[in-house]
Structure formats: C-alpha cells, structure tokens
N, C-alpha and C. Protein backbone atom coordinates (compact mmCIF):
# COMPACT_ATOMS: atom_id res chain seq x y z
N MET A 1 26.72 169.65 128.94
CA MET A 1 27.87 168.98 129.48
C MET A 1 27.95 167.58 128.87
N SER A 2 29.13 167.04 128.84
CA SER A 2 29.31 165.70 128.30
C SER A 2 30.26 164.91 129.19
N VAL A 3 30.38 163.63 128.88
CA VAL A 3 31.31 162.77 129.60
C VAL A 3 32.22 162.10 128.58
N LEU A 4 33.35 161.62 129.06
CA LEU A 4 34.26 160.84 128.24
C LEU A 4 34.31 159.43 128.79
N VAL A 5 34.22 158.46 127.89
CA VAL A 5 34.32 157.06 128.28
C VAL A 5 35.73 156.60 127.90
N HIS A 6 36.50 156.24 128.92
CA HIS A 6 37.88 155.78 128.72
C HIS A 6 37.94 154.27 128.84
N ALA A 7 38.72 153.63 127.98
CA ALA A 7 38.98 152.20 128.10
C ALA A 7 40.08 152.03 129.13
N VAL A 8 39.76 151.41 130.26
CA VAL A 8 40.74 151.23 131.34
C VAL A 8 41.86 150.30 130.85
N GLY A 9 43.10 150.74 131.07
CA GLY A 9 44.25 149.96 130.67
C GLY A 9 44.58 150.04 129.19
N ARG A 10 43.92 150.93 128.48
CA ARG A 10 44.13 151.08 127.03
C ARG A 10 44.40 152.55 126.69
N PRO A 11 45.55 153.08 127.14
CA PRO A 11 45.83 154.50 126.92
C PRO A 11 45.96 154.88 125.44
N GLU A 12 46.23 153.91 124.58
CA GLU A 12 46.36 154.20 123.14
C GLU A 12 45.02 154.44 122.46
N LEU A 13 43.94 154.09 123.15
CA LEU A 13 42.60 154.23 122.58
C LEU A 13 41.99 155.56 123.01
N ALA A 14 41.65 156.39 122.04
CA ALA A 14 41.04 157.69 122.35
C ALA A 14 39.70 157.48 123.06
N PRO A 15 39.42 158.29 124.09
CA PRO A 15 38.13 158.17 124.77
C PRO A 15 36.98 158.56 123.85
N LEU A 16 35.82 158.04 124.18
CA LEU A 16 34.61 158.31 123.40
C LEU A 16 33.78 159.37 124.12
N LYS A 17 33.40 160.42 123.40
CA LYS A 17 32.57 161.48 123.97
C LYS A 17 31.10 161.05 123.93
N MET A 18 30.44 161.18 125.08
CA MET A 18 29.03 160.81 125.21
C MET A 18 28.30 161.94 125.92
N SER A 19 26.97 161.93 125.81
CA SER A 19 26.17 162.95 126.51
C SER A 19 26.24 162.71 128.02
N ASP A 20 25.95 163.73 128.77
CA ASP A 20 25.97 163.62 130.23
C ASP A 20 24.96 162.58 130.72
N ARG A 21 23.88 162.42 130.02
CA ARG A 21 22.85 161.45 130.43
C ARG A 21 23.39 160.02 130.43
N PHE A 22 24.44 159.75 129.65
CA PHE A 22 25.02 158.42 129.59
C PHE A 22 25.57 157.98 130.95
N ARG A 23 25.94 158.95 131.77
CA ARG A 23 26.47 158.64 133.10
C ARG A 23 25.50 157.77 133.90
N THR A 24 24.20 157.98 133.74
CA THR A 24 23.21 157.16 134.44
C THR A 24 22.77 155.96 133.59
N GLU A 25 22.79 156.11 132.29
CA GLU A 25 22.33 155.03 131.40
C GLU A 25 23.27 153.84 131.36
N ILE A 26 24.55 154.04 131.65
CA ILE A 26 25.49 152.92 131.58
C ILE A 26 25.11 151.83 132.58
N ALA A 27 24.38 152.18 133.61
CA ALA A 27 23.94 151.19 134.60
C ALA A 27 23.08 150.10 133.97
N TYR A 28 22.40 150.38 132.88
CA TYR A 28 21.58 149.38 132.19
C TYR A 28 22.44 148.29 131.55
N PHE A 29 23.69 148.60 131.28
CA PHE A 29 24.57 147.71 130.53
C PHE A 29 25.65 147.04 131.38
N MET A 30 25.90 147.57 132.55
CA MET A 30 27.03 147.07 133.34
C MET A 30 26.77 145.70 133.94
N SER A 31 27.85 144.94 134.11
CA SER A 31 27.79 143.67 134.82
C SER A 31 27.83 143.98 136.31
N LEU A 32 27.20 143.14 137.10
CA LEU A 32 27.21 143.33 138.55
C LEU A 32 28.55 142.89 139.12
N PRO A 33 29.03 143.57 140.17
CA PRO A 33 30.35 143.25 140.73
C PRO A 33 30.51 141.79 141.15
N GLU A 34 29.44 141.13 141.54
CA GLU A 34 29.55 139.74 142.00
C GLU A 34 29.52 138.71 140.86
N GLU A 35 29.32 139.16 139.63
CA GLU A 35 29.31 138.23 138.50
C GLU A 35 30.72 137.70 138.23
N PRO A 36 30.81 136.45 137.77
CA PRO A 36 32.13 135.86 137.47
C PRO A 36 32.88 136.69 136.42
N GLY A 37 34.17 136.87 136.65
CA GLY A 37 35.02 137.57 135.69
C GLY A 37 35.06 139.07 135.84
N VAL A 38 34.24 139.63 136.72
CA VAL A 38 34.24 141.08 136.89
C VAL A 38 35.34 141.46 137.89
N PRO A 39 36.30 142.28 137.46
CA PRO A 39 37.39 142.67 138.36
C PRO A 39 36.92 143.71 139.38
N GLN A 40 37.76 143.98 140.34
CA GLN A 40 37.48 145.06 141.29
C GLN A 40 37.46 146.37 140.50
N LEU A 41 36.43 147.16 140.73
CA LEU A 41 36.25 148.40 139.97
C LEU A 41 36.46 149.62 140.85
N GLY A 42 37.06 150.64 140.28
CA GLY A 42 37.25 151.90 140.97
C GLY A 42 36.05 152.81 140.79
N GLU A 43 36.14 153.99 141.37
CA GLU A 43 35.06 154.97 141.25
C GLU A 43 34.87 155.36 139.79
N GLY A 44 33.62 155.35 139.35
CA GLY A 44 33.29 155.72 137.98
C GLY A 44 33.65 154.67 136.95
N GLU A 45 34.00 153.44 137.41
CA GLU A 45 34.36 152.37 136.50
C GLU A 45 33.24 151.35 136.37
N TYR A 46 33.16 150.74 135.19
CA TYR A 46 32.12 149.77 134.88
C TYR A 46 32.71 148.64 134.07
N TRP A 47 32.13 147.46 134.22
CA TRP A 47 32.52 146.29 133.42
C TRP A 47 31.30 145.91 132.58
N VAL A 48 31.51 145.80 131.28
CA VAL A 48 30.43 145.44 130.36
C VAL A 48 30.88 144.17 129.65
N ASP A 49 30.15 143.09 129.84
CA ASP A 49 30.49 141.81 129.25
C ASP A 49 30.50 141.92 127.72
N ALA A 50 31.59 141.48 127.10
CA ALA A 50 31.76 141.61 125.65
C ALA A 50 30.68 140.84 124.88
N ALA A 51 30.33 139.65 125.35
CA ALA A 51 29.31 138.86 124.65
C ALA A 51 27.95 139.54 124.70
N ARG A 52 27.62 140.12 125.85
CA ARG A 52 26.34 140.84 125.96
C ARG A 52 26.34 142.08 125.09
N ALA A 53 27.47 142.81 125.07
CA ALA A 53 27.57 144.01 124.24
C ALA A 53 27.32 143.67 122.78
N ALA A 54 27.92 142.59 122.31
CA ALA A 54 27.73 142.17 120.91
C ALA A 54 26.28 141.76 120.67
N GLU A 55 25.67 141.10 121.65
CA GLU A 55 24.27 140.68 121.53
C GLU A 55 23.34 141.89 121.44
N TRP A 56 23.53 142.87 122.32
CA TRP A 56 22.69 144.07 122.29
C TRP A 56 22.83 144.78 120.95
N LEU A 57 24.06 144.89 120.50
CA LEU A 57 24.30 145.57 119.23
C LEU A 57 23.64 144.82 118.07
N ASP A 58 23.75 143.52 118.09
CA ASP A 58 23.15 142.69 117.04
C ASP A 58 21.62 142.77 117.05
N GLU A 59 21.04 142.74 118.26
CA GLU A 59 19.58 142.74 118.38
C GLU A 59 18.96 144.14 118.32
N GLY A 60 19.78 145.16 118.62
CA GLY A 60 19.27 146.53 118.60
C GLY A 60 18.43 146.90 119.80
N VAL A 61 18.43 146.06 120.83
CA VAL A 61 17.66 146.32 122.05
C VAL A 61 18.44 145.83 123.27
N PHE A 62 18.06 146.35 124.44
CA PHE A 62 18.52 145.78 125.70
C PHE A 62 17.29 145.54 126.55
N ARG A 63 17.41 144.70 127.54
CA ARG A 63 16.26 144.32 128.35
C ARG A 63 16.38 144.87 129.76
N LEU A 64 15.27 145.42 130.24
CA LEU A 64 15.20 145.93 131.61
C LEU A 64 14.28 145.04 132.42
N VAL A 65 14.68 144.79 133.66
CA VAL A 65 13.85 144.03 134.59
C VAL A 65 13.12 145.03 135.47
N SER A 66 11.85 144.82 135.65
CA SER A 66 11.05 145.70 136.49
C SER A 66 11.49 145.59 137.94
N PRO A 67 11.69 146.72 138.62
CA PRO A 67 12.05 146.66 140.04
C PRO A 67 10.89 146.17 140.92
N LEU A 68 9.69 146.19 140.37
CA LEU A 68 8.51 145.77 141.14
C LEU A 68 8.15 144.30 140.90
N ASP A 69 8.60 143.77 139.76
CA ASP A 69 8.24 142.39 139.41
C ASP A 69 9.37 141.80 138.58
N SER A 70 10.24 141.00 139.19
CA SER A 70 11.42 140.50 138.50
C SER A 70 11.09 139.59 137.32
N ALA A 71 9.85 139.13 137.22
CA ALA A 71 9.44 138.31 136.07
C ALA A 71 9.11 139.17 134.85
N SER A 72 8.89 140.47 135.07
CA SER A 72 8.55 141.37 133.97
C SER A 72 9.81 142.00 133.38
N ARG A 73 9.93 141.86 132.07
CA ARG A 73 11.07 142.45 131.36
C ARG A 73 10.54 143.27 130.19
N ALA A 74 11.24 144.36 129.93
CA ALA A 74 10.88 145.21 128.80
C ALA A 74 12.06 145.29 127.85
N GLU A 75 11.79 145.25 126.56
CA GLU A 75 12.83 145.45 125.56
C GLU A 75 12.85 146.93 125.20
N VAL A 76 14.03 147.51 125.31
CA VAL A 76 14.20 148.94 125.04
C VAL A 76 15.12 149.09 123.82
N PRO A 77 14.66 149.77 122.79
CA PRO A 77 15.52 149.97 121.61
C PRO A 77 16.76 150.79 121.96
N LEU A 78 17.88 150.44 121.36
CA LEU A 78 19.11 151.20 121.55
C LEU A 78 18.97 152.56 120.88
N SER A 79 19.49 153.58 121.53
CA SER A 79 19.56 154.90 120.90
C SER A 79 20.77 154.91 119.97
N GLU A 80 20.86 155.93 119.12
CA GLU A 80 22.04 156.06 118.26
C GLU A 80 23.30 156.15 119.09
N GLU A 81 23.21 156.86 120.22
CA GLU A 81 24.36 157.01 121.09
C GLU A 81 24.77 155.67 121.69
N HIS A 82 23.81 154.87 122.12
CA HIS A 82 24.12 153.53 122.65
C HIS A 82 24.80 152.69 121.58
N GLU A 83 24.28 152.74 120.36
CA GLU A 83 24.87 151.97 119.26
C GLU A 83 26.31 152.39 119.00
N THR A 84 26.55 153.70 118.98
CA THR A 84 27.91 154.21 118.76
C THR A 84 28.86 153.69 119.84
N TRP A 85 28.40 153.75 121.09
CA TRP A 85 29.22 153.30 122.21
C TRP A 85 29.48 151.79 122.12
N LEU A 86 28.44 151.00 121.87
CA LEU A 86 28.61 149.55 121.78
C LEU A 86 29.50 149.16 120.60
N GLU A 87 29.40 149.89 119.49
CA GLU A 87 30.29 149.64 118.35
C GLU A 87 31.73 149.92 118.74
N TRP A 88 31.97 151.01 119.47
CA TRP A 88 33.31 151.36 119.95
C TRP A 88 33.83 150.27 120.88
N MET A 89 32.99 149.80 121.79
CA MET A 89 33.38 148.75 122.74
C MET A 89 33.75 147.46 122.00
N THR A 90 32.87 146.99 121.11
CA THR A 90 33.11 145.71 120.46
C THR A 90 34.26 145.79 119.45
N ALA A 91 34.35 146.87 118.70
CA ALA A 91 35.41 147.01 117.70
C ALA A 91 36.80 147.03 118.34
N ASN A 92 36.86 147.52 119.58
CA ASN A 92 38.16 147.66 120.25
C ASN A 92 38.38 146.63 121.35
N GLY A 93 37.45 145.69 121.51
CA GLY A 93 37.60 144.66 122.54
C GLY A 93 37.63 145.21 123.95
N VAL A 94 36.83 146.23 124.20
CA VAL A 94 36.81 146.90 125.51
C VAL A 94 35.69 146.33 126.37
N GLN A 95 36.00 146.07 127.63
CA GLN A 95 34.99 145.66 128.60
C GLN A 95 35.02 146.54 129.85
N HIS A 96 36.20 147.04 130.20
CA HIS A 96 36.39 147.82 131.43
C HIS A 96 36.52 149.29 131.05
N VAL A 97 35.57 150.11 131.52
CA VAL A 97 35.57 151.53 131.18
C VAL A 97 35.47 152.41 132.42
N ARG A 98 35.91 153.64 132.25
CA ARG A 98 35.77 154.67 133.28
C ARG A 98 35.05 155.85 132.63
N VAL A 99 34.00 156.33 133.29
CA VAL A 99 33.23 157.46 132.80
C VAL A 99 33.65 158.70 133.60
N VAL A 100 34.11 159.72 132.87
CA VAL A 100 34.64 160.93 133.50
C VAL A 100 33.92 162.15 132.93
N ALA A 101 33.52 163.05 133.83
CA ALA A 101 32.89 164.30 133.38
C ALA A 101 33.92 165.10 132.61
N ARG A 102 33.49 165.66 131.49
CA ARG A 102 34.38 166.45 130.65
C ARG A 102 34.44 167.86 131.22
N GLN A 103 35.64 168.34 131.39
CA GLN A 103 35.87 169.67 131.97
C GLN A 103 35.75 170.75 130.92
C-alpha cells in the first residue's frame, strides 16, 4: 500500500506517491502545532518548516530527540524516499501537506 502527499492549497501540483511507512515517518519532520507560523491543521495534515526542510536536505540527516532524555539527540541519515519528498517540498515551496492513503 502507498500514500499520496498533497500540497494543501496547491491543486495544480501533482501529489507525491510515498510508501505507507511514510505516514508515521512524517512525524519526524513536522512542526508542532504551537510553533509560530503553524496554521490550524486538519486531519492527516502536517506543516513542515521550509527552512528546516532545506537544512535537512542540505545536511542529509535529521535529528531525533530521545523520549527518555531530552538532552540526547541522534542524527539519522535521510532515506532516498525522504530526500525525494524534501526535494519535492523545497522545489515547489510547499510547507502544508495532507497525507492520504492511496485507494
């Protein structure tokens, strides 16, 4: 099974096909709802800060904070799929996306 990532408010932009596992992985990249500039989000919607997306793509890694120790961070290399998605996001100026299961 796969999912489609749609750019919210950008109907002219074709959605990006991603693996079903991306549905849970996008949480590593999303901005928190209480962060400045993040709009109200609907079900299955995420906001990804454009500057962070460009940084992750440039560095080839993203950082995870340990749930047991907030001072501990791990650098995780981007997968090819993550790179493809971040390239799509940055090339098209997308920050607000909706992830939908493909029928």
